[in-house]
């Protein structure tokens, strides 16, 4: 790897930028316009394909209205398996949408029921043969 190639921290910072951008419902185009770069460049930053200079990183933090430290969350866990951290999960727009909608559910019983439903869907158990409906 050359000295200028992106490393695990560059990818982590890019992922955190994506999380913060999606949480604010901002497009890559909008962020790129705020930074004076193309949306393709924002994509490269978010995917960890291009390194981000210190000045540009400060500009991204300002555009997203977060601290620079927010963009480095999870640095200690850089060597962990991809997708294991909450930050990695929230990098997917559908996951973030689900969490945002869930956070608006006020009733604790409903929240527990939703968790149970999602777990049941995610980990279906086969019913015993006797309990299966007969279809013809």
Protein backbone atom coordinates (compact mmCIF):
# COMPACT_ATOMS: atom_id res chain seq x y z
CA UNK A 1 0.00 0.00 0.00
CA UNK A 2 1.39 3.42 -0.89
CA UNK A 3 1.61 6.16 1.73
CA UNK A 4 -1.26 8.03 0.05
CA UNK A 5 -3.64 5.09 -0.29
CA UNK A 6 -6.75 5.16 1.91
CA UNK A 7 -6.53 2.95 4.98
CA UNK A 8 -9.04 1.55 7.50
CA UNK A 9 -9.38 4.89 9.30
CA UNK A 10 -10.09 6.67 6.00
CA UNK A 11 -12.87 4.14 5.31
CA UNK A 12 -14.26 4.54 8.83
CA UNK A 13 -14.30 8.34 8.54
CA UNK A 14 -16.02 8.04 5.15
CA UNK A 15 -18.64 5.74 6.63
CA UNK A 16 -19.24 8.18 9.49
CA UNK A 17 -19.66 11.03 7.00
CA UNK A 18 -22.29 8.97 5.19
CA UNK A 19 -24.12 8.21 8.45
CA UNK A 20 -24.20 11.89 9.42
CA UNK A 21 -25.28 12.97 5.93
CA UNK A 22 -28.10 10.41 5.81
CA UNK A 23 -29.22 11.30 9.34
CA UNK A 24 -29.68 14.89 8.15
CA UNK A 25 -31.39 13.73 4.94
CA UNK A 26 -28.84 15.53 2.78
CA UNK A 27 -27.92 14.40 -0.72
CA UNK A 28 -24.38 13.84 -1.88
CA UNK A 29 -25.00 16.61 -4.41
CA UNK A 30 -25.94 19.08 -1.66
CA UNK A 31 -22.91 18.19 0.45
CA UNK A 32 -20.67 18.42 -2.62
CA UNK A 33 -22.02 21.89 -3.43
CA UNK A 34 -21.34 23.03 0.15
CA UNK A 35 -17.76 21.76 -0.18
CA UNK A 36 -17.13 22.90 -3.75
CA UNK A 37 -16.69 19.34 -5.07
CA UNK A 38 -18.79 16.99 -7.22
CA UNK A 39 -21.18 14.43 -5.78
CA UNK A 40 -18.85 11.79 -7.24
CA UNK A 41 -16.06 13.11 -5.01
CA UNK A 42 -18.38 12.89 -1.99
CA UNK A 43 -19.10 9.26 -2.99
CA UNK A 44 -15.37 8.55 -3.08
CA UNK A 45 -14.93 10.08 0.38
CA UNK A 46 -17.84 8.11 1.81
CA UNK A 47 -16.64 4.82 0.33
CA UNK A 48 -13.11 5.42 1.59
CA UNK A 49 -11.65 5.42 -1.90
CA UNK A 50 -10.13 8.89 -1.55
CA UNK A 51 -8.41 10.33 1.49
CA UNK A 52 -9.74 13.57 2.93
CA UNK A 53 -7.40 16.42 3.77
CA UNK A 54 -7.66 18.13 7.16
CA UNK A 55 -9.15 21.34 5.77
CA UNK A 56 -11.74 19.46 3.71
CA UNK A 57 -12.60 17.28 6.70
CA UNK A 58 -13.21 20.39 8.82
CA UNK A 59 -15.45 21.72 6.02
CA UNK A 60 -17.43 18.47 5.97
CA UNK A 61 -17.91 18.58 9.74
CA UNK A 62 -19.13 22.19 9.48
CA UNK A 63 -21.50 21.38 6.60
CA UNK A 64 -22.93 18.46 8.58
CA UNK A 65 -23.00 20.53 11.79
CA UNK A 66 -21.04 17.93 13.77
CA UNK A 67 -17.72 17.99 15.60
CA UNK A 68 -14.62 16.59 13.97
CA UNK A 69 -14.55 13.95 16.70
CA UNK A 70 -17.95 12.68 15.53
CA UNK A 71 -16.40 11.79 12.20
CA UNK A 72 -13.75 9.68 13.99
CA UNK A 73 -16.18 7.66 16.14
CA UNK A 74 -15.18 4.01 16.25
CA UNK A 75 -11.51 4.51 15.43
CA UNK A 76 -10.54 2.13 18.27
CA UNK A 77 -12.61 -0.60 16.59
CA UNK A 78 -11.11 -0.19 13.12
CA UNK A 79 -9.79 -3.75 13.04
CA UNK A 80 -13.14 -5.31 14.00
CA UNK A 81 -15.28 -7.23 11.49
CA UNK A 82 -17.07 -5.03 8.97
CA UNK A 83 -20.69 -4.47 9.84
CA UNK A 84 -20.32 -5.40 13.52
CA UNK A 85 -20.54 -1.86 14.86
CA UNK A 86 -23.69 0.24 15.15
CA UNK A 87 -22.04 2.85 12.93
CA UNK A 88 -21.60 0.30 10.15
CA UNK A 89 -25.23 -0.76 10.41
CA UNK A 90 -26.45 2.83 10.26
CA UNK A 91 -24.46 3.49 7.10
CA UNK A 92 -27.27 1.78 5.15
CA UNK A 93 -30.17 4.15 4.37
CA UNK A 94 -32.87 1.54 5.08
CA UNK A 95 -31.37 0.67 8.46
CA UNK A 96 -31.19 4.33 9.42
CA UNK A 97 -34.79 4.88 8.27
CA UNK A 98 -35.96 1.98 10.41
CA UNK A 99 -34.18 3.31 13.49
CA UNK A 100 -35.51 6.82 12.92
CA UNK A 101 -39.09 5.58 12.55
CA UNK A 102 -38.73 3.26 15.56
CA UNK A 103 -37.50 6.15 17.71
CA UNK A 104 -40.79 7.96 17.04
CA UNK A 105 -42.88 5.10 18.46
CA UNK A 106 -43.88 6.36 21.91
CA UNK A 107 -45.58 3.28 23.38
CA UNK A 108 -43.14 0.86 25.07
CA UNK A 109 -45.40 -2.13 24.44
CA UNK A 110 -45.58 -1.33 20.75
CA UNK A 111 -41.80 -0.99 20.60
CA UNK A 112 -41.38 -4.40 22.27
CA UNK A 113 -43.88 -5.92 19.84
CA UNK A 114 -42.03 -4.42 16.86
CA UNK A 115 -38.72 -5.81 18.11
CA UNK A 116 -40.32 -9.23 18.50
CA UNK A 117 -41.82 -9.04 15.01
CA UNK A 118 -38.53 -8.07 13.38
CA UNK A 119 -36.68 -10.81 15.27
CA UNK A 120 -39.28 -13.34 14.17
CA UNK A 121 -38.95 -12.26 10.55
CA UNK A 122 -35.14 -12.24 10.72
CA UNK A 123 -34.83 -15.63 12.43
CA UNK A 124 -37.78 -17.73 11.27
CA UNK A 125 -38.14 -21.01 13.10
CA UNK A 126 -39.72 -23.95 11.39
CA UNK A 127 -42.90 -25.08 13.06
CA UNK A 128 -43.16 -28.75 13.97
CA UNK A 129 -44.75 -30.91 11.25
CA UNK A 130 -47.95 -31.35 13.30
CA UNK A 131 -48.43 -27.59 13.51
CA UNK A 132 -48.03 -26.96 9.80
CA UNK A 133 -51.27 -26.27 7.95
CA UNK A 134 -52.31 -28.85 5.37
CA UNK A 135 -52.53 -27.40 1.88
CA UNK A 136 -53.88 -29.11 -1.18
